[in-house]
Protein backbone atom coordinates (compact mmCIF):
# COMPACT_ATOMS: atom_id res chain seq x y z
CA MET A 1 -17.67 169.58 123.51
CA GLN A 2 -15.22 167.20 126.00
CA MET A 3 -12.18 166.56 125.23
CA PRO A 4 -10.21 164.16 126.62
CA GLN A 5 -8.29 164.79 130.00
CA ALA A 6 -5.22 164.27 128.78
CA VAL A 7 -5.40 166.53 126.11
CA ALA A 8 -7.28 169.22 128.08
CA ALA A 9 -4.38 169.34 130.28
CA ALA A 10 -1.49 170.08 127.63
CA ALA A 11 -4.08 172.80 125.86
CA LYS A 12 -3.81 174.41 129.13
CA GLN A 13 -0.44 174.00 129.56
CA ALA A 14 0.21 174.96 125.95
CA ILE A 15 -1.70 178.50 126.81
CA GLU A 16 0.29 178.92 130.19
CA ALA A 17 3.42 178.99 128.00
CA LEU A 18 2.13 181.03 124.78
CA LYS A 19 0.91 183.51 127.81
CA ALA A 20 4.25 183.51 129.65
CA ALA A 21 6.46 183.60 126.09
CA LYS A 22 3.78 186.43 125.56
CA PHE A 23 3.65 184.36 121.99
CA THR A 24 1.12 184.50 119.26
CA ILE A 25 -0.22 180.65 117.71
CA ALA A 26 -2.23 179.16 114.80
CA THR A 27 -2.12 175.91 113.84
CA ALA A 28 -2.12 173.94 110.45
CA GLU A 29 -3.47 170.52 110.80
CA SER A 30 -4.41 167.98 107.45
CA CYS A 31 -4.75 164.78 109.53
CA THR A 32 -6.07 165.92 112.84
CA GLY A 33 -9.05 168.20 110.66
CA GLY A 34 -8.52 171.06 113.09
CA LEU A 35 -8.15 169.11 116.76
CA VAL A 36 -5.54 170.94 117.74
CA ALA A 37 -7.35 174.53 117.11
CA GLY A 38 -10.44 173.21 118.97
CA ALA A 39 -8.64 171.51 121.82
CA LEU A 40 -6.64 175.15 122.36
CA THR A 41 -9.91 177.58 122.19
CA SER A 42 -11.28 175.20 124.14
CA ILE A 43 -9.27 176.58 127.56
CA SER A 44 -10.82 180.07 128.84
CA GLY A 45 -8.36 182.91 127.36
CA ALA A 46 -7.34 181.01 124.84
CA SER A 47 -8.05 184.72 122.46
CA ASP A 48 -4.94 185.80 124.49
CA VAL A 49 -2.60 183.70 121.94
CA PHE A 50 -4.86 181.72 119.74
CA HIS A 51 -4.63 183.46 116.31
CA GLY A 52 -6.30 181.17 113.97
CA GLY A 53 -6.17 177.88 112.16
CA PHE A 54 -5.76 176.53 109.02
CA ILE A 55 -7.37 172.89 107.68
CA THR A 56 -5.14 172.06 105.13
CA TYR A 57 -6.83 168.37 104.97
CA ALA A 58 -6.35 168.66 100.71
CA ASN A 59 -2.59 169.03 99.29
CA THR A 60 -4.00 171.71 97.78
CA ALA A 61 -4.99 173.25 100.96
CA LYS A 62 -1.39 173.14 101.69
CA SER A 63 -0.16 175.61 98.45
CA THR A 64 -3.34 177.99 98.26
CA MET A 65 -3.90 178.46 101.68
CA ILE A 66 -0.37 178.45 103.85
CA GLY A 67 1.99 178.36 100.77
CA VAL A 68 3.28 174.72 100.84
CA GLN A 69 4.95 174.79 97.01
CA ALA A 70 3.62 171.68 95.06
CA ARG A 71 7.35 170.23 94.44
CA LEU A 72 7.16 169.65 98.47
CA ILE A 73 4.22 167.47 98.15
CA ARG A 74 5.05 165.88 94.56
CA ASP A 75 8.68 164.86 95.40
CA TYR A 76 8.22 164.01 99.54
CA GLY A 77 4.43 163.86 99.78
CA ALA A 78 1.98 165.30 101.91
CA VAL A 79 3.22 162.69 104.83
CA SER A 80 6.77 163.97 105.72
CA ALA A 81 8.98 166.10 107.12
CA GLN A 82 9.48 168.42 104.51
CA VAL A 83 6.08 169.40 104.24
CA ALA A 84 5.60 169.42 108.34
CA ARG A 85 8.18 172.21 108.24
CA ALA A 86 7.10 173.65 105.16
CA MET A 87 3.34 174.25 106.39
CA ALA A 88 4.83 175.53 109.81
CA ASP A 89 6.60 178.37 108.10
CA GLY A 90 3.56 179.31 106.15
CA ALA A 91 0.93 179.48 108.68
CA ARG A 92 3.95 181.36 110.68
CA ASN A 93 4.08 183.60 107.71
CA ARG A 94 0.89 183.89 106.71
CA ALA A 95 -1.09 184.27 110.10
CA ASN A 96 1.73 186.44 111.28
CA VAL A 97 2.21 185.00 114.72
CA ASN A 98 4.77 184.26 116.66
CA LEU A 99 4.22 180.55 116.63
CA ALA A 100 2.69 177.78 114.57
CA VAL A 101 2.39 174.29 114.90
CA SER A 102 1.33 172.18 112.01
CA ILE A 103 0.47 168.41 111.86
CA THR A 104 0.62 166.12 108.47
CA GLY A 105 0.25 162.59 108.70
CA VAL A 106 -1.35 158.34 107.59
CA ALA A 107 -4.63 158.52 110.13
CA GLY A 108 -5.47 155.45 108.45
CA PRO A 109 -7.95 153.14 108.64
CA GLN A 110 -6.77 153.56 105.05
CA GLY A 111 -3.87 154.99 102.81
CA GLY A 112 -1.27 153.71 104.81
CA SER A 113 1.90 151.69 102.71
CA GLU A 114 5.56 150.06 103.93
CA LYS A 115 7.41 153.52 103.77
CA LYS A 116 4.50 155.70 105.43
CA PRO A 117 2.09 153.08 107.39
CA VAL A 118 -0.16 154.15 109.03
CA GLY A 119 0.29 155.63 112.44
CA LEU A 120 3.07 158.00 111.27
CA VAL A 121 2.42 161.67 111.86
CA TYR A 122 4.68 164.66 111.29
CA LEU A 123 4.43 168.35 113.69
CA ALA A 124 7.07 170.71 113.08
CA CYS A 125 6.69 174.39 114.62
CA ALA A 126 7.98 177.56 113.08
CA THR A 127 8.98 180.62 115.80
CA HIS A 128 11.74 183.33 114.77
CA GLU A 129 14.56 181.24 116.16
CA GLY A 130 13.62 178.20 112.99
CA THR A 131 11.43 175.17 112.84
CA ARG A 132 11.26 171.88 115.03
CA VAL A 133 10.26 168.73 113.31
CA VAL A 134 9.09 165.60 114.73
CA GLU A 135 8.36 162.27 113.51
CA LYS A 136 6.41 159.90 115.52
CA ARG A 137 5.16 156.69 114.74
CA PHE A 138 1.99 155.73 117.22
CA GLY A 139 1.61 152.86 115.28
CA ASP A 140 -2.38 151.68 114.52
CA LEU A 141 -4.26 152.89 117.19
CA GLY A 142 -7.20 153.42 115.36
CA ARG A 143 -7.90 156.63 113.54
CA ASP A 144 -9.55 158.33 116.96
CA GLY A 145 -6.86 157.16 118.31
CA ILE A 146 -3.73 158.90 115.94
CA ARG A 147 -5.65 161.88 115.84
CA GLU A 148 -5.59 162.29 119.72
CA ALA A 149 -2.31 160.68 119.66
CA ALA A 150 -1.25 163.69 117.04
CA VAL A 151 -3.11 166.21 119.39
CA LEU A 152 -1.65 165.44 122.28
CA ALA A 153 2.19 165.30 120.98
CA ALA A 154 1.18 169.16 118.96
CA LEU A 155 0.34 170.24 122.44
CA GLU A 156 3.36 169.29 123.68
CA LEU A 157 5.78 170.39 121.31
CA VAL A 158 3.75 173.60 121.72
CA ILE A 159 4.88 173.65 125.42
CA ASP A 160 8.44 172.62 124.72
CA VAL A 161 9.00 174.87 122.38
CA ALA A 162 7.47 178.23 123.85
CA THR A 163 9.59 177.47 126.73
CA ASN A 164 12.77 176.38 125.99
CA GLY A 165 13.18 177.36 122.19
CA VAL A 166 12.80 175.60 119.12
CA GLU A 167 16.86 174.67 119.41
CA ALA A 168 16.48 172.51 123.37
CA ASP A 169 15.51 169.67 120.91
CA LYS A 170 18.67 169.30 119.07
CA PRO A 171 21.24 166.69 119.93
CA PRO A 172 24.66 168.19 120.32
CA PRO A 173 27.30 169.44 117.64
CA VAL A 174 29.45 166.48 116.38
CA GLU A 175 33.30 167.44 117.80
CA VAL A 176 35.03 167.59 114.34
CA LYS A 177 38.53 166.40 114.37
CA ALA A 178 41.12 169.08 114.28
CA LYS A 179 43.71 168.53 110.99
CA SER A 180 46.87 166.39 111.40
CA THR A 181 50.22 168.40 111.35
CA GLU A 182 51.83 165.59 109.81
CA PRO A 183 52.44 166.73 106.47
CA LYS A 184 50.77 165.43 103.68
CA ALA A 185 52.57 162.52 101.62
CA LYS A 186 54.25 164.08 97.59
CA LEU A 187 52.32 163.31 94.51
CA ARG A 188 54.67 162.09 92.06
CA THR A 189 53.95 163.59 88.42
CA ARG A 190 55.13 161.90 85.29
């Protein structure tokens, strides 16, 4: 099967980044149904780093296969940052790998809402350093277009985390102002 050129190039770069980092990888996929795993394994040499993948399309599969708490799905919905994080963490722990990437989203054409429109995708990448979660709003590119964009975004996330670490994409910390040295007003008591 022929991968789209951008996906194949990103998959090759992801395999190279994983090899350079001496990382193994597992995937946990919902709306992409195994396409990230398929892209990675389309590259010769993937067996050096690719452990396996979890296709957790159903909510019960998310819970039984990779340990996503049903409470998270109930409270935040299957398409949420919280569930994406739990999917990546669960896949990493269940597969005993260095890095796991997860995807959950609304590929459409049905299933979208005002709060969670078609094209909303959450990705997460977990390592021993922690887990980075990314929200993407691709818009209504059509089901295939959203899934392809999500796969590409997941591969780019893997490349970035394998190369730069989980924390690399975080904003700088907020400065905390020093406490005032002025005396506090005395409280009157009755």
